[in-house]
Amino acid sequence: MELKIVIADDHTMVRDGFCSLIDGLAGFTIVGQAQNGRKAIDLARRLKPDIIIMDISMPEMNGIDATSLIMEEFPSCKIIVLSMHSDKRFIARAFQVGASGFLLKECAFHELKLALEAVRIGKIYLSPVIAGTVVHDYRRCLLTETKNENLTTKERSALQLIAEGYSTKEIADILFVSVKAIEGRRGRIMEKLRINTIAGLVKYSIREGLTEM
């Protein structure tokens, strides 16, 4: 039986490249494509894929938060995270929220088949080019709590949209909540992070990888 795959990346060329590659692999079939984390969640609910290839840096909702929400609803789903960065914080966070694999984008096309075969049989896959660095202090990364981890997934989603320049009303519409709820989340975010300005929140979001802006 072929395993169903969803590809989530905000670049059409990247999605098309993965589709072409996977089309040549036996045992796998592409059932959907998403351009952001929110769409990936929607496809996970509608299509029930076995595997999701998930980029970290996407607009509206990043891949880490999308992975966290998908794994809460569909714990049997295997998610392979893609990133341009080998920062240990991203790697640790990806596995903390339930990812089954982590690929650097520069190696992804060469390693995708290996990663798919690994997660298919329940193994974890990590790009060899970063494995040595990660193994050295992986335990420390997992045990070190950062300010970012004190935020809830809902707060992280709101923070990303704030950093991307959406108005309070636009954020409320995207997240299907009231303007008052978003104002409350923004206040709690600022209190938790001890940041008092929107500019400060934007800088924090860029530094923590929530947005590339």
N, C-alpha and C. Protein backbone atom coordinates (compact mmCIF):
# COMPACT_ATOMS: atom_id res chain seq x y z
N MET A 1 0.83 -1.19 0.00
CA MET A 1 0.00 0.00 0.00
C MET A 1 0.87 1.25 0.00
N GLU A 2 0.54 2.20 -0.86
CA GLU A 2 1.32 3.43 -0.94
C GLU A 2 1.01 4.35 0.24
N LEU A 3 2.06 5.00 0.77
CA LEU A 3 1.87 5.96 1.85
C LEU A 3 1.55 7.32 1.25
N LYS A 4 0.59 8.01 1.86
CA LYS A 4 0.16 9.33 1.37
C LYS A 4 1.06 10.42 1.95
N ILE A 5 1.50 11.34 1.09
CA ILE A 5 2.41 12.41 1.50
C ILE A 5 1.82 13.78 1.17
N VAL A 6 1.95 14.71 2.12
CA VAL A 6 1.64 16.12 1.90
C VAL A 6 2.95 16.90 1.99
N ILE A 7 3.13 17.85 1.07
CA ILE A 7 4.32 18.70 1.07
C ILE A 7 3.92 20.12 1.45
N ALA A 8 4.56 20.68 2.49
CA ALA A 8 4.27 22.04 2.94
C ALA A 8 5.52 22.91 2.82
N ASP A 9 5.50 23.84 1.89
CA ASP A 9 6.61 24.78 1.67
C ASP A 9 6.05 25.99 0.94
N ASP A 10 6.52 27.18 1.30
CA ASP A 10 5.96 28.38 0.68
C ASP A 10 6.55 28.69 -0.70
N HIS A 11 7.49 27.88 -1.17
CA HIS A 11 8.08 28.08 -2.49
C HIS A 11 7.56 27.01 -3.46
N THR A 12 6.89 27.46 -4.51
CA THR A 12 6.31 26.53 -5.48
C THR A 12 7.36 25.64 -6.12
N MET A 13 8.53 26.21 -6.44
CA MET A 13 9.59 25.43 -7.09
C MET A 13 10.07 24.29 -6.19
N VAL A 14 10.15 24.55 -4.89
CA VAL A 14 10.57 23.51 -3.95
C VAL A 14 9.53 22.39 -3.92
N ARG A 15 8.27 22.76 -3.82
CA ARG A 15 7.21 21.75 -3.80
C ARG A 15 7.21 20.92 -5.08
N ASP A 16 7.37 21.61 -6.21
CA ASP A 16 7.40 20.90 -7.50
C ASP A 16 8.58 19.95 -7.58
N GLY A 17 9.72 20.39 -7.04
CA GLY A 17 10.91 19.53 -7.05
C GLY A 17 10.71 18.26 -6.24
N PHE A 18 10.11 18.40 -5.06
CA PHE A 18 9.84 17.22 -4.24
C PHE A 18 8.82 16.30 -4.91
N CYS A 19 7.82 16.90 -5.54
CA CYS A 19 6.82 16.08 -6.24
C CYS A 19 7.46 15.25 -7.33
N SER A 20 8.34 15.86 -8.11
CA SER A 20 9.02 15.14 -9.19
C SER A 20 9.87 14.00 -8.64
N LEU A 21 10.55 14.27 -7.52
CA LEU A 21 11.40 13.26 -6.92
C LEU A 21 10.57 12.10 -6.36
N ILE A 22 9.51 12.42 -5.64
CA ILE A 22 8.70 11.38 -5.01
C ILE A 22 7.92 10.57 -6.03
N ASP A 23 7.56 11.20 -7.14
CA ASP A 23 6.86 10.47 -8.21
C ASP A 23 7.67 9.28 -8.71
N GLY A 24 8.98 9.36 -8.55
CA GLY A 24 9.84 8.27 -9.01
C GLY A 24 10.13 7.23 -7.95
N LEU A 25 9.54 7.39 -6.76
CA LEU A 25 9.78 6.44 -5.67
C LEU A 25 8.59 5.49 -5.52
N ALA A 26 8.88 4.23 -5.39
CA ALA A 26 7.82 3.24 -5.18
C ALA A 26 7.32 3.30 -3.74
N GLY A 27 6.03 3.16 -3.56
CA GLY A 27 5.46 3.08 -2.22
C GLY A 27 5.00 4.39 -1.63
N PHE A 28 5.14 5.49 -2.39
CA PHE A 28 4.73 6.80 -1.88
C PHE A 28 3.93 7.54 -2.95
N THR A 29 2.95 8.33 -2.51
CA THR A 29 2.17 9.13 -3.46
C THR A 29 1.84 10.49 -2.84
N ILE A 30 1.95 11.56 -3.63
CA ILE A 30 1.64 12.91 -3.17
C ILE A 30 0.12 13.11 -3.23
N VAL A 31 -0.47 13.53 -2.11
CA VAL A 31 -1.92 13.75 -2.10
C VAL A 31 -2.28 15.22 -1.91
N GLY A 32 -1.30 16.07 -1.56
CA GLY A 32 -1.63 17.48 -1.36
C GLY A 32 -0.40 18.34 -1.16
N GLN A 33 -0.57 19.65 -1.41
CA GLN A 33 0.50 20.62 -1.22
C GLN A 33 -0.04 21.81 -0.43
N ALA A 34 0.80 22.36 0.45
CA ALA A 34 0.41 23.52 1.26
C ALA A 34 1.49 24.59 1.18
N GLN A 35 1.07 25.85 1.18
CA GLN A 35 2.02 26.95 1.10
C GLN A 35 2.32 27.58 2.46
N ASN A 36 1.63 27.12 3.51
CA ASN A 36 1.93 27.61 4.86
C ASN A 36 1.46 26.58 5.89
N GLY A 37 1.82 26.82 7.15
CA GLY A 37 1.50 25.86 8.19
C GLY A 37 0.02 25.68 8.42
N ARG A 38 -0.73 26.76 8.27
CA ARG A 38 -2.18 26.68 8.50
C ARG A 38 -2.84 25.78 7.45
N LYS A 39 -2.40 25.91 6.20
CA LYS A 39 -2.93 25.06 5.14
C LYS A 39 -2.51 23.61 5.36
N ALA A 40 -1.30 23.40 5.89
CA ALA A 40 -0.84 22.03 6.16
C ALA A 40 -1.74 21.35 7.19
N ILE A 41 -2.16 22.10 8.21
CA ILE A 41 -3.06 21.55 9.21
C ILE A 41 -4.40 21.18 8.58
N ASP A 42 -4.89 22.06 7.72
CA ASP A 42 -6.16 21.80 7.02
C ASP A 42 -6.07 20.52 6.18
N LEU A 43 -4.96 20.36 5.45
CA LEU A 43 -4.79 19.16 4.62
C LEU A 43 -4.63 17.91 5.48
N ALA A 44 -3.97 18.04 6.63
CA ALA A 44 -3.82 16.89 7.53
C ALA A 44 -5.19 16.40 7.99
N ARG A 45 -6.07 17.34 8.27
CA ARG A 45 -7.41 16.97 8.73
C ARG A 45 -8.25 16.36 7.62
N ARG A 46 -8.11 16.89 6.42
CA ARG A 46 -8.95 16.42 5.31
C ARG A 46 -8.43 15.16 4.63
N LEU A 47 -7.09 15.07 4.50
CA LEU A 47 -6.50 14.00 3.70
C LEU A 47 -5.91 12.86 4.52
N LYS A 48 -5.68 13.10 5.83
CA LYS A 48 -5.09 12.08 6.71
C LYS A 48 -3.81 11.48 6.10
N PRO A 49 -2.80 12.29 5.79
CA PRO A 49 -1.57 11.76 5.19
C PRO A 49 -0.78 10.93 6.19
N ASP A 50 0.02 10.02 5.67
CA ASP A 50 0.92 9.23 6.52
C ASP A 50 2.18 10.01 6.86
N ILE A 51 2.63 10.85 5.91
CA ILE A 51 3.86 11.61 6.07
C ILE A 51 3.64 13.04 5.58
N ILE A 52 4.19 14.01 6.32
CA ILE A 52 4.18 15.41 5.87
C ILE A 52 5.62 15.90 5.81
N ILE A 53 5.99 16.48 4.68
CA ILE A 53 7.30 17.13 4.55
C ILE A 53 7.06 18.61 4.82
N MET A 54 7.62 19.13 5.92
CA MET A 54 7.22 20.43 6.46
C MET A 54 8.39 21.40 6.55
N ASP A 55 8.31 22.49 5.78
CA ASP A 55 9.32 23.54 5.90
C ASP A 55 9.12 24.29 7.22
N ILE A 56 10.20 24.75 7.84
CA ILE A 56 10.08 25.50 9.08
C ILE A 56 9.57 26.91 8.82
N SER A 57 10.21 27.62 7.88
CA SER A 57 9.94 29.05 7.68
C SER A 57 8.85 29.25 6.63
N MET A 58 7.62 29.49 7.10
CA MET A 58 6.50 29.75 6.20
C MET A 58 5.65 30.88 6.77
N PRO A 59 4.96 31.64 5.93
CA PRO A 59 4.12 32.74 6.41
C PRO A 59 2.87 32.24 7.13
N GLU A 60 2.29 33.13 7.93
CA GLU A 60 1.05 32.89 8.69
C GLU A 60 1.23 31.90 9.84
N MET A 61 1.78 30.73 9.57
CA MET A 61 2.13 29.80 10.64
C MET A 61 3.35 29.01 10.22
N ASN A 62 4.38 29.02 11.08
CA ASN A 62 5.62 28.31 10.76
C ASN A 62 5.46 26.80 10.93
N GLY A 63 6.43 26.06 10.41
CA GLY A 63 6.35 24.61 10.41
C GLY A 63 6.43 23.96 11.78
N ILE A 64 7.12 24.60 12.71
CA ILE A 64 7.23 24.03 14.06
C ILE A 64 5.88 24.03 14.75
N ASP A 65 5.21 25.18 14.72
CA ASP A 65 3.89 25.26 15.37
C ASP A 65 2.87 24.37 14.66
N ALA A 66 2.95 24.31 13.33
CA ALA A 66 2.04 23.44 12.59
C ALA A 66 2.28 21.97 12.96
N THR A 67 3.54 21.59 13.09
CA THR A 67 3.88 20.22 13.48
C THR A 67 3.31 19.90 14.86
N SER A 68 3.46 20.84 15.79
CA SER A 68 2.95 20.64 17.15
C SER A 68 1.44 20.38 17.14
N LEU A 69 0.70 21.19 16.40
CA LEU A 69 -0.76 21.05 16.36
C LEU A 69 -1.19 19.77 15.64
N ILE A 70 -0.50 19.44 14.57
CA ILE A 70 -0.83 18.21 13.83
C ILE A 70 -0.57 16.98 14.68
N MET A 71 0.55 16.96 15.39
CA MET A 71 0.88 15.80 16.21
C MET A 71 -0.10 15.62 17.37
N GLU A 72 -0.67 16.72 17.85
CA GLU A 72 -1.68 16.61 18.90
C GLU A 72 -2.92 15.89 18.39
N GLU A 73 -3.30 16.15 17.14
CA GLU A 73 -4.50 15.54 16.57
C GLU A 73 -4.22 14.20 15.91
N PHE A 74 -3.04 14.07 15.30
CA PHE A 74 -2.71 12.86 14.53
C PHE A 74 -1.33 12.33 14.93
N PRO A 75 -1.23 11.75 16.12
CA PRO A 75 0.08 11.31 16.63
C PRO A 75 0.77 10.24 15.79
N SER A 76 0.04 9.56 14.93
CA SER A 76 0.67 8.53 14.09
C SER A 76 1.28 9.11 12.82
N CYS A 77 0.99 10.37 12.53
CA CYS A 77 1.54 11.02 11.33
C CYS A 77 3.04 11.22 11.50
N LYS A 78 3.80 10.98 10.45
CA LYS A 78 5.25 11.19 10.47
C LYS A 78 5.57 12.51 9.77
N ILE A 79 6.27 13.39 10.46
CA ILE A 79 6.59 14.70 9.88
C ILE A 79 8.10 14.86 9.74
N ILE A 80 8.53 15.15 8.52
CA ILE A 80 9.94 15.43 8.23
C ILE A 80 10.08 16.93 8.07
N VAL A 81 10.85 17.55 8.95
CA VAL A 81 11.01 19.00 8.95
C VAL A 81 12.17 19.41 8.06
N LEU A 82 11.97 20.49 7.30
CA LEU A 82 13.01 21.05 6.44
C LEU A 82 13.45 22.40 6.99
N SER A 83 14.76 22.68 6.90
CA SER A 83 15.25 23.98 7.35
C SER A 83 16.50 24.37 6.58
N MET A 84 16.67 25.67 6.39
CA MET A 84 17.91 26.19 5.81
C MET A 84 18.98 26.33 6.87
N HIS A 85 18.60 26.20 8.13
CA HIS A 85 19.51 26.47 9.24
C HIS A 85 19.78 25.21 10.06
N SER A 86 21.02 25.07 10.51
CA SER A 86 21.38 23.93 11.36
C SER A 86 21.43 24.32 12.83
N ASP A 87 20.81 25.43 13.18
CA ASP A 87 20.77 25.90 14.56
C ASP A 87 20.15 24.82 15.44
N LYS A 88 20.85 24.47 16.51
CA LYS A 88 20.40 23.38 17.38
C LYS A 88 19.05 23.66 18.03
N ARG A 89 18.73 24.95 18.21
CA ARG A 89 17.43 25.28 18.81
C ARG A 89 16.29 24.79 17.92
N PHE A 90 16.43 24.98 16.60
CA PHE A 90 15.39 24.55 15.68
C PHE A 90 15.27 23.03 15.68
N ILE A 91 16.42 22.36 15.69
CA ILE A 91 16.42 20.89 15.66
C ILE A 91 15.76 20.33 16.92
N ALA A 92 16.19 20.85 18.07
CA ALA A 92 15.63 20.37 19.34
C ALA A 92 14.13 20.63 19.40
N ARG A 93 13.73 21.82 18.98
CA ARG A 93 12.31 22.17 19.03
C ARG A 93 11.49 21.27 18.11
N ALA A 94 12.03 20.98 16.92
CA ALA A 94 11.31 20.12 15.97
C ALA A 94 11.03 18.75 16.56
N PHE A 95 12.05 18.16 17.19
CA PHE A 95 11.86 16.83 17.77
C PHE A 95 11.02 16.89 19.05
N GLN A 96 11.10 17.98 19.78
CA GLN A 96 10.27 18.12 20.98
C GLN A 96 8.78 18.09 20.64
N VAL A 97 8.41 18.69 19.51
CA VAL A 97 6.98 18.74 19.17
C VAL A 97 6.53 17.52 18.38
N GLY A 98 7.44 16.58 18.13
CA GLY A 98 7.02 15.31 17.55
C GLY A 98 7.48 14.97 16.15
N ALA A 99 8.40 15.77 15.58
CA ALA A 99 8.90 15.46 14.24
C ALA A 99 9.63 14.13 14.22
N SER A 100 9.60 13.46 13.08
CA SER A 100 10.29 12.18 12.92
C SER A 100 11.59 12.31 12.13
N GLY A 101 11.80 13.48 11.52
CA GLY A 101 13.01 13.69 10.74
C GLY A 101 13.33 15.16 10.60
N PHE A 102 14.60 15.45 10.33
CA PHE A 102 15.05 16.83 10.15
C PHE A 102 16.07 16.85 9.02
N LEU A 103 15.75 17.60 7.96
CA LEU A 103 16.63 17.69 6.80
C LEU A 103 17.05 19.13 6.57
N LEU A 104 18.32 19.34 6.26
CA LEU A 104 18.74 20.64 5.77
C LEU A 104 18.30 20.77 4.32
N LYS A 105 17.81 21.94 3.94
CA LYS A 105 17.31 22.10 2.57
C LYS A 105 18.39 21.86 1.53
N GLU A 106 19.63 22.21 1.86
CA GLU A 106 20.71 22.03 0.89
C GLU A 106 20.97 20.56 0.59
N CYS A 107 20.54 19.67 1.49
CA CYS A 107 20.76 18.23 1.31
C CYS A 107 19.47 17.48 1.01
N ALA A 108 18.34 18.18 1.08
CA ALA A 108 17.04 17.51 1.11
C ALA A 108 16.78 16.62 -0.10
N PHE A 109 17.11 17.10 -1.29
CA PHE A 109 16.80 16.30 -2.48
C PHE A 109 17.63 15.02 -2.54
N HIS A 110 18.86 15.09 -2.00
CA HIS A 110 19.71 13.91 -2.01
C HIS A 110 19.31 12.91 -0.92
N GLU A 111 18.78 13.42 0.19
CA GLU A 111 18.52 12.57 1.34
C GLU A 111 17.05 12.19 1.53
N LEU A 112 16.17 12.76 0.72
CA LEU A 112 14.74 12.56 0.95
C LEU A 112 14.34 11.09 0.93
N LYS A 113 14.87 10.33 0.00
CA LYS A 113 14.52 8.91 -0.09
C LYS A 113 14.92 8.19 1.19
N LEU A 114 16.12 8.47 1.70
CA LEU A 114 16.58 7.84 2.95
C LEU A 114 15.67 8.23 4.11
N ALA A 115 15.29 9.52 4.16
CA ALA A 115 14.44 9.99 5.24
C ALA A 115 13.05 9.34 5.18
N LEU A 116 12.49 9.24 3.99
CA LEU A 116 11.17 8.62 3.84
C LEU A 116 11.19 7.15 4.25
N GLU A 117 12.22 6.45 3.83
CA GLU A 117 12.32 5.02 4.18
C GLU A 117 12.51 4.85 5.68
N ALA A 118 13.25 5.77 6.31
CA ALA A 118 13.49 5.67 7.75
C ALA A 118 12.21 5.89 8.55
N VAL A 119 11.50 6.99 8.26
CA VAL A 119 10.29 7.27 9.04
C VAL A 119 9.18 6.27 8.73
N ARG A 120 9.24 5.68 7.55
CA ARG A 120 8.23 4.68 7.17
C ARG A 120 8.25 3.50 8.13
N ILE A 121 9.43 3.13 8.61
CA ILE A 121 9.54 1.98 9.51
C ILE A 121 9.70 2.40 10.98
N GLY A 122 9.37 3.67 11.24
CA GLY A 122 9.36 4.13 12.62
C GLY A 122 10.66 4.65 13.17
N LYS A 123 11.65 4.88 12.31
CA LYS A 123 12.93 5.41 12.77
C LYS A 123 12.94 6.94 12.69
N ILE A 124 13.92 7.53 13.38
CA ILE A 124 14.15 8.97 13.31
C ILE A 124 15.25 9.23 12.29
N TYR A 125 15.08 10.28 11.48
CA TYR A 125 16.12 10.61 10.50
C TYR A 125 16.63 12.03 10.73
N LEU A 126 17.97 12.16 10.75
CA LEU A 126 18.63 13.45 10.91
C LEU A 126 19.73 13.55 9.87
N SER A 127 19.77 14.66 9.14
CA SER A 127 20.80 14.84 8.12
C SER A 127 22.19 14.56 8.68
N PRO A 128 22.96 13.68 8.06
CA PRO A 128 24.30 13.35 8.56
C PRO A 128 25.20 14.56 8.71
N VAL A 129 25.02 15.57 7.86
CA VAL A 129 25.90 16.73 7.89
C VAL A 129 25.80 17.49 9.22
N ILE A 130 24.67 17.34 9.93
CA ILE A 130 24.54 18.03 11.21
C ILE A 130 24.47 17.07 12.39
N ALA A 131 24.44 15.78 12.12
CA ALA A 131 24.27 14.79 13.19
C ALA A 131 25.38 14.87 14.23
N GLY A 132 26.63 15.03 13.77
CA GLY A 132 27.75 15.06 14.70
C GLY A 132 27.65 16.20 15.69
N THR A 133 27.29 17.37 15.19
CA THR A 133 27.15 18.54 16.05
C THR A 133 26.01 18.37 17.04
N VAL A 134 24.91 17.82 16.56
CA VAL A 134 23.73 17.67 17.40
C VAL A 134 23.95 16.65 18.51
N VAL A 135 24.54 15.54 18.19
CA VAL A 135 24.76 14.49 19.18
C VAL A 135 25.59 15.00 20.35
N HIS A 136 26.52 15.89 20.07
CA HIS A 136 27.43 16.39 21.10
C HIS A 136 26.69 17.02 22.27
N ASP A 137 25.66 17.79 21.96
CA ASP A 137 24.95 18.46 23.06
C ASP A 137 23.43 18.40 22.91
N TYR A 138 22.94 17.35 22.29
CA TYR A 138 21.49 17.23 22.06
C TYR A 138 20.72 17.22 23.39
N ARG A 139 21.24 16.50 24.37
CA ARG A 139 20.54 16.42 25.64
C ARG A 139 20.44 17.79 26.30
N ARG A 140 21.52 18.56 26.22
CA ARG A 140 21.50 19.89 26.82
C ARG A 140 20.48 20.79 26.12
N CYS A 141 20.37 20.65 24.80
CA CYS A 141 19.41 21.46 24.05
C CYS A 141 17.99 21.15 24.48
N LEU A 142 17.69 19.86 24.69
CA LEU A 142 16.34 19.47 25.06
C LEU A 142 15.98 19.92 26.47
N LEU A 143 16.97 19.98 27.35
CA LEU A 143 16.70 20.29 28.74
C LEU A 143 16.77 21.77 29.04
N THR A 144 17.31 22.56 28.12
CA THR A 144 17.45 23.99 28.33
C THR A 144 16.18 24.69 27.90
N GLU A 145 15.47 25.25 28.83
CA GLU A 145 14.21 25.93 28.50
C GLU A 145 14.51 27.34 28.06
N THR A 146 13.93 27.78 26.96
CA THR A 146 14.11 29.14 26.48
C THR A 146 12.84 29.92 26.70
N LYS A 147 12.95 31.23 26.58
CA LYS A 147 11.76 32.07 26.73
C LYS A 147 10.71 31.71 25.69
N ASN A 148 11.15 31.33 24.53
CA ASN A 148 10.23 30.97 23.46
C ASN A 148 9.35 29.80 23.86
N GLU A 149 9.90 28.84 24.61
CA GLU A 149 9.15 27.65 25.00
C GLU A 149 8.13 27.96 26.09
N ASN A 150 8.22 29.13 26.72
CA ASN A 150 7.22 29.51 27.71
C ASN A 150 5.93 29.98 27.06
N LEU A 151 5.98 30.28 25.78
CA LEU A 151 4.79 30.70 25.06
C LEU A 151 3.97 29.49 24.65
N THR A 152 2.65 29.64 24.70
CA THR A 152 1.79 28.57 24.21
C THR A 152 1.80 28.58 22.68
N THR A 153 1.30 27.51 22.08
CA THR A 153 1.23 27.45 20.62
C THR A 153 0.36 28.58 20.08
N LYS A 154 -0.74 28.88 20.76
CA LYS A 154 -1.62 29.97 20.32
C LYS A 154 -0.89 31.31 20.39
N GLU A 155 -0.11 31.50 21.44
CA GLU A 155 0.65 32.75 21.57
C GLU A 155 1.73 32.85 20.51
N ARG A 156 2.39 31.73 20.21
CA ARG A 156 3.41 31.73 19.16
C ARG A 156 2.80 32.05 17.80
N SER A 157 1.62 31.51 17.53
CA SER A 157 0.94 31.79 16.26
C SER A 157 0.60 33.27 16.14
N ALA A 158 0.09 33.85 17.23
CA ALA A 158 -0.23 35.27 17.22
C ALA A 158 1.03 36.11 17.07
N LEU A 159 2.10 35.72 17.75
CA LEU A 159 3.36 36.45 17.68
C LEU A 159 3.92 36.47 16.26
N GLN A 160 3.86 35.34 15.58
CA GLN A 160 4.36 35.30 14.21
C GLN A 160 3.59 36.27 13.33
N LEU A 161 2.27 36.30 13.47
CA LEU A 161 1.45 37.19 12.65
C LEU A 161 1.69 38.65 12.99
N ILE A 162 1.90 38.94 14.27
CA ILE A 162 2.25 40.31 14.68
C ILE A 162 3.55 40.73 14.01
N ALA A 163 4.54 39.85 14.05
CA ALA A 163 5.85 40.15 13.48
C ALA A 163 5.78 40.31 11.96
N GLU A 164 4.83 39.63 11.32
CA GLU A 164 4.69 39.72 9.87
C GLU A 164 3.86 40.92 9.43
N GLY A 165 3.45 41.76 10.40
CA GLY A 165 2.82 43.02 10.07
C GLY A 165 1.31 43.02 9.96
N TYR A 166 0.66 41.94 10.34
CA TYR A 166 -0.80 41.91 10.30
C TYR A 166 -1.39 42.78 11.41
N SER A 167 -2.52 43.41 11.13
CA SER A 167 -3.20 44.21 12.14
C SER A 167 -3.91 43.29 13.14
N THR A 168 -4.31 43.86 14.27
CA THR A 168 -5.01 43.06 15.28
C THR A 168 -6.28 42.44 14.69
N LYS A 169 -7.03 43.21 13.91
CA LYS A 169 -8.25 42.70 13.28
C LYS A 169 -7.94 41.57 12.30
N GLU A 170 -6.89 41.74 11.50
CA GLU A 170 -6.51 40.69 10.54
C GLU A 170 -6.10 39.41 11.26
N ILE A 171 -5.34 39.55 12.34
CA ILE A 171 -4.91 38.38 13.11
C ILE A 171 -6.12 37.66 13.70
N ALA A 172 -7.05 38.44 14.23
CA ALA A 172 -8.27 37.85 14.80
C ALA A 172 -9.04 37.06 13.74
N ASP A 173 -9.12 37.62 12.53
CA ASP A 173 -9.83 36.93 11.45
C ASP A 173 -9.11 35.65 11.04
N ILE A 174 -7.78 35.70 10.95
CA ILE A 174 -7.01 34.52 10.55
C ILE A 174 -7.13 33.40 11.57
N LEU A 175 -7.11 33.77 12.87
CA LEU A 175 -7.13 32.77 13.94
C LEU A 175 -8.55 32.45 14.42
N PHE A 176 -9.55 33.11 13.81
CA PHE A 176 -10.96 32.85 14.15
C PHE A 176 -11.27 33.11 15.63
N VAL A 177 -10.75 34.23 16.13
CA VAL A 177 -11.04 34.65 17.51
C VAL A 177 -11.39 36.13 17.48
N SER A 178 -11.74 36.67 18.64
CA SER A 178 -12.11 38.08 18.72
C SER A 178 -10.89 38.99 18.79
N VAL A 179 -11.10 40.26 18.46
CA VAL A 179 -10.03 41.25 18.58
C VAL A 179 -9.55 41.33 20.04
N LYS A 180 -10.50 41.25 20.96
CA LYS A 180 -10.16 41.31 22.38
C LYS A 180 -9.25 40.15 22.78
N ALA A 181 -9.50 38.97 22.22
CA ALA A 181 -8.67 37.80 22.53
C ALA A 181 -7.24 38.02 22.04
N ILE A 182 -7.08 38.61 20.86
CA ILE A 182 -5.74 38.86 20.33
C ILE A 182 -5.03 39.92 21.16
N GLU A 183 -5.75 40.95 21.57
CA GLU A 183 -5.14 41.97 22.42
C GLU A 183 -4.66 41.35 23.73
N GLY A 184 -5.45 40.41 24.26
CA GLY A 184 -5.04 39.72 25.48
C GLY A 184 -3.80 38.88 25.27
N ARG A 185 -3.74 38.16 24.14
CA ARG A 185 -2.57 37.34 23.85
C ARG A 185 -1.32 38.21 23.70
N ARG A 186 -1.48 39.34 23.00
CA ARG A 186 -0.34 40.23 22.81
C ARG A 186 0.20 40.72 24.15
N GLY A 187 -0.72 41.06 25.05
CA GLY A 187 -0.30 41.51 26.37
C GLY A 187 0.44 40.43 27.14
N ARG A 188 -0.07 39.19 27.07
CA ARG A 188 0.59 38.09 27.77
C ARG A 188 1.96 37.78 27.16
N ILE A 189 2.05 37.87 25.83
CA ILE A 189 3.34 37.64 25.16
C ILE A 189 4.36 38.66 25.63
N MET A 190 3.97 39.93 25.62
CA MET A 190 4.89 40.99 26.04
C MET A 190 5.32 40.80 27.50
N GLU A 191 4.36 40.39 28.33
CA GLU A 191 4.68 40.18 29.75
C GLU A 191 5.66 39.02 29.92
N LYS A 192 5.40 37.91 29.24
CA LYS A 192 6.27 36.74 29.36
C LYS A 192 7.68 37.01 28.85
N LEU A 193 7.77 37.73 27.73
CA LEU A 193 9.07 37.96 27.11
C LEU A 193 9.75 39.22 27.62
N ARG A 194 9.03 39.99 28.45
CA ARG A 194 9.54 41.26 28.97
C ARG A 194 9.95 42.19 27.83
N ILE A 195 9.08 42.25 26.83
CA ILE A 195 9.28 43.13 25.67
C ILE A 195 8.08 44.07 25.60
N ASN A 196 8.36 45.37 25.48
CA ASN A 196 7.29 46.36 25.59
C ASN A 196 6.88 47.02 24.28
N THR A 197 7.53 46.68 23.17
CA THR A 197 7.20 47.32 21.90
C THR A 197 6.99 46.27 20.80
N ILE A 198 6.23 46.66 19.77
CA ILE A 198 6.03 45.78 18.62
C ILE A 198 7.35 45.54 17.91
N ALA A 199 8.17 46.59 17.81
CA ALA A 199 9.49 46.44 17.17
C ALA A 199 10.32 45.39 17.90
N GLY A 200 10.22 45.39 19.22
CA GLY A 200 10.95 44.39 20.00
C GLY A 200 10.44 42.99 19.74
N LEU A 201 9.13 42.85 19.58
CA LEU A 201 8.56 41.54 19.26
C LEU A 201 9.01 41.06 17.89
N VAL A 202 9.10 41.98 16.93
CA VAL A 202 9.56 41.61 15.59
C VAL A 202 11.00 41.11 15.65
N LYS A 203 11.87 41.84 16.34
CA LYS A 203 13.27 41.42 16.47
C LYS A 203 13.38 40.05 17.13
N TYR A 204 12.59 39.85 18.18
CA TYR A 204 12.60 38.56 18.88
C TYR A 204 12.16 37.43 17.95
N SER A 205 11.11 37.67 17.18
CA SER A 205 10.57 36.64 16.28
C SER A 205 11.58 36.25 15.22
N ILE A 206 12.30 37.23 14.69
CA ILE A 206 13.34 36.94 13.69
C ILE A 206 14.46 36.12 14.33
N ARG A 207 14.89 36.53 15.51
CA ARG A 207 15.99 35.83 16.19
C ARG A 207 15.63 34.39 16.53
N GLU A 208 14.36 34.16 16.89
CA GLU A 208 13.93 32.82 17.30
C GLU A 208 13.43 31.97 16.13
N GLY A 209 13.46 32.54 14.91
CA GLY A 209 13.09 31.75 13.74
C GLY A 209 11.60 31.63 13.49
N LEU A 210 10.79 32.46 14.15
CA LEU A 210 9.34 32.42 13.91
C LEU A 210 8.99 33.04 12.56
N THR A 211 9.80 33.97 12.11
CA THR A 211 9.59 34.61 10.82
C THR A 211 10.94 34.99 10.23
N GLU A 212 10.99 35.11 8.90
CA GLU A 212 12.23 35.48 8.22
C GLU A 212 12.28 36.96 7.88
N MET A 213 11.21 37.68 8.18
CA MET A 213 11.14 39.09 7.81
C MET A 213 12.19 39.90 8.57
